[in-house]
Amino acid sequence: VAARLGLQPINVLEVVTFYPMFRQQPIGHRHIKVCRTLSCALRGGYQTCAAFEEEFKVHRGEVSADGEVTIEFVECLASCGTAPVVLVNEDLHHQVGAAAADAILKQGEKA
């Protein structure tokens, strides 16, 4: 990319590591983003994330062994009034407690 744009490689690396939508490694087919900002954290976002990690046997930021799932914390998903919120690929889910995480997983299996 750097050669194509006539830039130094460090300039490309700076952009890739600064913006979260750019990746240096592939992610899973199902990308689960759990909001960790204040509203979501106070209403159980960390427990929700732990439920996803336990279900898929993968830690945040990693790809599951089958390549299916990546789980990560993200900053505000702009739905503080319905916290905690989770974005699975492009589908936003509201009021996702640890128990509701199971329902979201089952919904994703049907898709």
N, C-alpha and C. Protein backbone atom coordinates (compact mmCIF):
# COMPACT_ATOMS: atom_id res chain seq x y z
N VAL A 1 0.84 -1.19 0.00
CA VAL A 1 0.00 0.00 0.00
C VAL A 1 0.88 1.24 0.00
N ALA A 2 1.91 1.23 0.84
CA ALA A 2 2.79 2.40 0.91
C ALA A 2 3.45 2.69 -0.43
N ALA A 3 3.97 1.64 -1.08
CA ALA A 3 4.62 1.83 -2.38
C ALA A 3 3.63 2.36 -3.41
N ARG A 4 2.45 1.81 -3.39
CA ARG A 4 1.41 2.23 -4.36
C ARG A 4 1.05 3.71 -4.19
N LEU A 5 1.04 4.17 -2.92
CA LEU A 5 0.68 5.56 -2.65
C LEU A 5 1.87 6.50 -2.59
N GLY A 6 3.06 5.95 -2.72
CA GLY A 6 4.26 6.78 -2.67
C GLY A 6 4.55 7.29 -1.27
N LEU A 7 4.25 6.48 -0.25
CA LEU A 7 4.47 6.86 1.14
C LEU A 7 5.50 5.94 1.78
N GLN A 8 5.96 6.35 2.94
CA GLN A 8 6.82 5.49 3.74
C GLN A 8 5.93 4.46 4.45
N PRO A 9 6.40 3.24 4.63
CA PRO A 9 5.58 2.23 5.30
C PRO A 9 5.09 2.65 6.69
N ILE A 10 5.89 3.42 7.42
CA ILE A 10 5.48 3.85 8.75
C ILE A 10 4.22 4.72 8.69
N ASN A 11 4.06 5.49 7.61
CA ASN A 11 2.87 6.34 7.47
C ASN A 11 1.61 5.50 7.33
N VAL A 12 1.70 4.40 6.64
CA VAL A 12 0.55 3.50 6.50
C VAL A 12 0.28 2.80 7.82
N LEU A 13 1.32 2.34 8.49
CA LEU A 13 1.17 1.67 9.78
C LEU A 13 0.52 2.59 10.81
N GLU A 14 0.88 3.87 10.81
CA GLU A 14 0.27 4.82 11.74
C GLU A 14 -1.24 4.89 11.55
N VAL A 15 -1.69 4.92 10.32
CA VAL A 15 -3.13 4.99 10.04
C VAL A 15 -3.82 3.69 10.42
N VAL A 16 -3.22 2.56 10.04
CA VAL A 16 -3.82 1.25 10.30
C VAL A 16 -3.96 1.00 11.80
N THR A 17 -2.98 1.40 12.59
CA THR A 17 -3.04 1.13 14.02
C THR A 17 -3.87 2.17 14.77
N PHE A 18 -4.14 3.31 14.18
CA PHE A 18 -4.93 4.34 14.85
C PHE A 18 -6.44 4.10 14.71
N TYR A 19 -6.89 3.73 13.52
CA TYR A 19 -8.32 3.56 13.26
C TYR A 19 -8.74 2.11 13.47
N PRO A 20 -9.76 1.86 14.30
CA PRO A 20 -10.13 0.48 14.61
C PRO A 20 -10.78 -0.28 13.46
N MET A 21 -11.21 0.41 12.41
CA MET A 21 -11.84 -0.32 11.31
C MET A 21 -10.81 -0.95 10.36
N PHE A 22 -9.55 -0.57 10.51
CA PHE A 22 -8.49 -1.19 9.72
C PHE A 22 -7.90 -2.34 10.52
N ARG A 23 -7.55 -3.41 9.85
CA ARG A 23 -7.04 -4.62 10.50
C ARG A 23 -5.74 -5.06 9.85
N GLN A 24 -4.85 -5.59 10.68
CA GLN A 24 -3.63 -6.18 10.16
C GLN A 24 -3.77 -7.69 10.01
N GLN A 25 -4.76 -8.26 10.67
CA GLN A 25 -5.02 -9.69 10.62
C GLN A 25 -6.51 -9.90 10.32
N PRO A 26 -6.88 -11.03 9.71
CA PRO A 26 -8.30 -11.30 9.47
C PRO A 26 -9.07 -11.46 10.78
N ILE A 27 -10.36 -11.17 10.73
CA ILE A 27 -11.23 -11.39 11.88
C ILE A 27 -12.23 -12.48 11.54
N GLY A 28 -13.00 -12.91 12.54
CA GLY A 28 -13.98 -13.97 12.34
C GLY A 28 -15.15 -13.54 11.46
N HIS A 29 -15.86 -14.54 10.97
CA HIS A 29 -17.04 -14.30 10.12
C HIS A 29 -18.10 -13.50 10.87
N ARG A 30 -18.28 -13.80 12.15
CA ARG A 30 -19.20 -13.05 13.02
C ARG A 30 -18.38 -12.15 13.91
N HIS A 31 -18.56 -10.85 13.74
CA HIS A 31 -17.79 -9.87 14.51
C HIS A 31 -18.70 -9.30 15.58
N ILE A 32 -18.42 -9.64 16.82
CA ILE A 32 -19.25 -9.22 17.95
C ILE A 32 -18.55 -8.07 18.67
N LYS A 33 -19.20 -6.90 18.66
CA LYS A 33 -18.65 -5.71 19.30
C LYS A 33 -19.53 -5.36 20.49
N VAL A 34 -18.93 -5.35 21.67
CA VAL A 34 -19.66 -5.04 22.90
C VAL A 34 -19.23 -3.65 23.37
N CYS A 35 -20.20 -2.77 23.57
CA CYS A 35 -19.89 -1.42 24.04
C CYS A 35 -19.37 -1.48 25.47
N ARG A 36 -18.32 -0.69 25.75
CA ARG A 36 -17.75 -0.70 27.09
C ARG A 36 -17.78 0.67 27.76
N THR A 37 -18.45 1.64 27.15
CA THR A 37 -18.47 2.96 27.76
C THR A 37 -19.39 2.95 28.98
N LEU A 38 -19.45 4.06 29.68
CA LEU A 38 -20.03 4.11 31.02
C LEU A 38 -21.43 3.51 31.14
N SER A 39 -22.36 3.94 30.31
CA SER A 39 -23.74 3.44 30.42
C SER A 39 -23.79 1.92 30.28
N CYS A 40 -23.10 1.42 29.28
CA CYS A 40 -23.12 -0.03 29.05
C CYS A 40 -22.38 -0.78 30.14
N ALA A 41 -21.26 -0.23 30.61
CA ALA A 41 -20.50 -0.88 31.68
C ALA A 41 -21.33 -0.97 32.95
N LEU A 42 -22.04 0.11 33.29
CA LEU A 42 -22.85 0.10 34.51
C LEU A 42 -24.03 -0.85 34.42
N ARG A 43 -24.51 -1.12 33.21
CA ARG A 43 -25.67 -1.98 33.05
C ARG A 43 -25.30 -3.40 32.65
N GLY A 44 -24.02 -3.78 32.76
CA GLY A 44 -23.64 -5.18 32.57
C GLY A 44 -22.90 -5.52 31.31
N GLY A 45 -22.34 -4.55 30.61
CA GLY A 45 -21.62 -4.81 29.37
C GLY A 45 -20.44 -5.76 29.53
N TYR A 46 -19.73 -5.63 30.64
CA TYR A 46 -18.58 -6.51 30.86
C TYR A 46 -19.03 -7.95 31.07
N GLN A 47 -20.14 -8.15 31.77
CA GLN A 47 -20.66 -9.51 31.96
C GLN A 47 -21.18 -10.07 30.64
N THR A 48 -21.77 -9.22 29.83
CA THR A 48 -22.24 -9.66 28.51
C THR A 48 -21.07 -10.13 27.66
N CYS A 49 -20.00 -9.36 27.66
CA CYS A 49 -18.81 -9.73 26.90
C CYS A 49 -18.24 -11.06 27.40
N ALA A 50 -18.21 -11.22 28.71
CA ALA A 50 -17.71 -12.48 29.29
C ALA A 50 -18.58 -13.66 28.87
N ALA A 51 -19.89 -13.44 28.75
CA ALA A 51 -20.79 -14.52 28.31
C ALA A 51 -20.47 -14.94 26.88
N PHE A 52 -20.21 -13.96 26.01
CA PHE A 52 -19.83 -14.29 24.63
C PHE A 52 -18.49 -15.03 24.59
N GLU A 53 -17.54 -14.58 25.39
CA GLU A 53 -16.23 -15.23 25.42
C GLU A 53 -16.36 -16.69 25.88
N GLU A 54 -17.16 -16.90 26.90
CA GLU A 54 -17.36 -18.25 27.41
C GLU A 54 -18.05 -19.14 26.38
N GLU A 55 -19.07 -18.60 25.74
CA GLU A 55 -19.83 -19.38 24.75
C GLU A 55 -18.95 -19.81 23.57
N PHE A 56 -18.13 -18.89 23.09
CA PHE A 56 -17.31 -19.19 21.91
C PHE A 56 -15.91 -19.68 22.24
N LYS A 57 -15.59 -19.72 23.54
CA LYS A 57 -14.26 -20.18 23.97
C LYS A 57 -13.16 -19.39 23.27
N VAL A 58 -13.31 -18.07 23.29
CA VAL A 58 -12.34 -17.18 22.66
C VAL A 58 -12.22 -15.92 23.51
N HIS A 59 -11.03 -15.37 23.58
CA HIS A 59 -10.82 -14.12 24.32
C HIS A 59 -11.03 -12.93 23.40
N ARG A 60 -11.31 -11.79 24.01
CA ARG A 60 -11.48 -10.57 23.23
C ARG A 60 -10.26 -10.33 22.34
N GLY A 61 -10.53 -9.90 21.12
CA GLY A 61 -9.46 -9.58 20.19
C GLY A 61 -8.88 -10.75 19.43
N GLU A 62 -9.31 -11.95 19.78
CA GLU A 62 -8.82 -13.15 19.10
C GLU A 62 -9.89 -13.67 18.15
N VAL A 63 -9.48 -14.58 17.28
CA VAL A 63 -10.41 -15.26 16.39
C VAL A 63 -10.61 -16.66 16.93
N SER A 64 -11.86 -17.14 16.95
CA SER A 64 -12.12 -18.48 17.45
C SER A 64 -11.39 -19.52 16.59
N ALA A 65 -11.18 -20.69 17.15
CA ALA A 65 -10.41 -21.74 16.47
C ALA A 65 -10.98 -22.10 15.11
N ASP A 66 -12.32 -22.01 14.97
CA ASP A 66 -12.94 -22.35 13.69
C ASP A 66 -13.01 -21.15 12.74
N GLY A 67 -12.48 -20.00 13.17
CA GLY A 67 -12.47 -18.81 12.32
C GLY A 67 -13.81 -18.11 12.23
N GLU A 68 -14.75 -18.54 13.06
CA GLU A 68 -16.12 -18.04 12.96
C GLU A 68 -16.33 -16.71 13.69
N VAL A 69 -15.69 -16.49 14.84
CA VAL A 69 -16.05 -15.37 15.71
C VAL A 69 -14.85 -14.56 16.18
N THR A 70 -15.04 -13.26 16.21
CA THR A 70 -14.13 -12.34 16.88
C THR A 70 -14.98 -11.48 17.81
N ILE A 71 -14.53 -11.35 19.05
CA ILE A 71 -15.24 -10.54 20.04
C ILE A 71 -14.32 -9.40 20.46
N GLU A 72 -14.88 -8.20 20.56
CA GLU A 72 -14.07 -7.10 21.05
C GLU A 72 -14.92 -6.05 21.74
N PHE A 73 -14.28 -5.31 22.63
CA PHE A 73 -14.90 -4.14 23.21
C PHE A 73 -14.74 -2.99 22.24
N VAL A 74 -15.74 -2.13 22.18
CA VAL A 74 -15.65 -0.92 21.36
C VAL A 74 -16.12 0.26 22.18
N GLU A 75 -15.80 1.43 21.73
CA GLU A 75 -16.30 2.63 22.38
C GLU A 75 -17.74 2.83 21.93
N CYS A 76 -18.36 3.82 22.42
CA CYS A 76 -19.79 4.07 22.31
C CYS A 76 -20.43 3.64 20.98
N LEU A 77 -21.50 2.88 21.09
CA LEU A 77 -22.29 2.48 19.92
C LEU A 77 -23.53 3.36 19.77
N ALA A 78 -23.57 4.45 20.52
CA ALA A 78 -24.59 5.51 20.38
C ALA A 78 -26.01 5.05 20.69
N SER A 79 -26.14 4.24 21.72
CA SER A 79 -27.47 3.83 22.16
C SER A 79 -27.47 3.68 23.68
N CYS A 80 -26.98 4.71 24.35
CA CYS A 80 -26.79 4.66 25.81
C CYS A 80 -28.09 4.40 26.57
N GLY A 81 -29.21 4.86 26.05
CA GLY A 81 -30.49 4.67 26.73
C GLY A 81 -30.98 3.24 26.72
N THR A 82 -30.39 2.40 25.88
CA THR A 82 -30.80 0.99 25.81
C THR A 82 -29.62 0.07 26.14
N ALA A 83 -28.75 0.54 27.01
CA ALA A 83 -27.55 -0.20 27.38
C ALA A 83 -27.88 -1.48 28.14
N PRO A 84 -27.00 -2.47 28.06
CA PRO A 84 -25.82 -2.54 27.22
C PRO A 84 -26.16 -2.94 25.79
N VAL A 85 -25.38 -2.45 24.85
CA VAL A 85 -25.63 -2.73 23.45
C VAL A 85 -24.49 -3.54 22.84
N VAL A 86 -24.86 -4.34 21.86
CA VAL A 86 -23.92 -5.21 21.17
C VAL A 86 -24.19 -5.09 19.67
N LEU A 87 -23.13 -4.99 18.90
CA LEU A 87 -23.23 -4.97 17.45
C LEU A 87 -22.66 -6.27 16.92
N VAL A 88 -23.50 -7.08 16.28
CA VAL A 88 -23.06 -8.33 15.67
C VAL A 88 -23.09 -8.11 14.17
N ASN A 89 -21.90 -8.07 13.58
CA ASN A 89 -21.73 -7.64 12.20
C ASN A 89 -22.38 -6.27 12.05
N GLU A 90 -23.51 -6.16 11.41
CA GLU A 90 -24.16 -4.85 11.24
C GLU A 90 -25.49 -4.75 12.00
N ASP A 91 -25.80 -5.73 12.82
CA ASP A 91 -27.07 -5.76 13.56
C ASP A 91 -26.86 -5.29 15.00
N LEU A 92 -27.54 -4.19 15.37
CA LEU A 92 -27.43 -3.64 16.71
C LEU A 92 -28.47 -4.28 17.61
N HIS A 93 -28.03 -4.75 18.77
CA HIS A 93 -28.92 -5.37 19.75
C HIS A 93 -28.90 -4.54 21.03
N HIS A 94 -30.08 -4.28 21.58
CA HIS A 94 -30.24 -3.41 22.75
C HIS A 94 -30.51 -4.24 24.00
N GLN A 95 -30.13 -3.69 25.14
CA GLN A 95 -30.37 -4.29 26.46
C GLN A 95 -29.94 -5.76 26.49
N VAL A 96 -28.70 -5.98 26.10
CA VAL A 96 -28.17 -7.33 26.02
C VAL A 96 -27.44 -7.67 27.32
N GLY A 97 -28.16 -8.31 28.22
CA GLY A 97 -27.53 -8.83 29.42
C GLY A 97 -26.87 -10.16 29.10
N ALA A 98 -26.19 -10.73 30.06
CA ALA A 98 -25.52 -12.00 29.84
C ALA A 98 -26.50 -13.08 29.40
N ALA A 99 -27.72 -13.07 29.94
CA ALA A 99 -28.72 -14.07 29.56
C ALA A 99 -29.20 -13.85 28.13
N ALA A 100 -29.33 -12.61 27.72
CA ALA A 100 -29.81 -12.30 26.37
C ALA A 100 -28.76 -12.64 25.31
N ALA A 101 -27.50 -12.75 25.71
CA ALA A 101 -26.44 -13.09 24.77
C ALA A 101 -26.73 -14.43 24.11
N ASP A 102 -27.26 -15.38 24.86
CA ASP A 102 -27.59 -16.70 24.32
C ASP A 102 -28.62 -16.61 23.21
N ALA A 103 -29.63 -15.77 23.40
CA ALA A 103 -30.67 -15.59 22.37
C ALA A 103 -30.08 -14.99 21.10
N ILE A 104 -29.18 -14.06 21.24
CA ILE A 104 -28.54 -13.45 20.08
C ILE A 104 -27.71 -14.49 19.34
N LEU A 105 -27.04 -15.36 20.07
CA LEU A 105 -26.24 -16.41 19.44
C LEU A 105 -27.11 -17.35 18.64
N LYS A 106 -28.24 -17.75 19.21
CA LYS A 106 -29.14 -18.64 18.51
C LYS A 106 -29.73 -17.98 17.27
N GLN A 107 -30.03 -16.69 17.37
CA GLN A 107 -30.55 -15.93 16.23
C GLN A 107 -29.52 -15.91 15.10
N GLY A 108 -28.25 -15.74 15.45
CA GLY A 108 -27.18 -15.70 14.46
C GLY A 108 -26.97 -17.03 13.77
N GLU A 109 -27.25 -18.13 14.48
CA GLU A 109 -27.10 -19.46 13.88
C GLU A 109 -28.11 -19.70 12.77
N LYS A 110 -29.30 -19.10 12.90
CA LYS A 110 -30.34 -19.29 11.90
C LYS A 110 -30.08 -18.50 10.64
N ALA A 111 -29.31 -17.40 10.78
CA ALA A 111 -29.07 -16.51 9.64
C ALA A 111 -28.11 -17.12 8.64
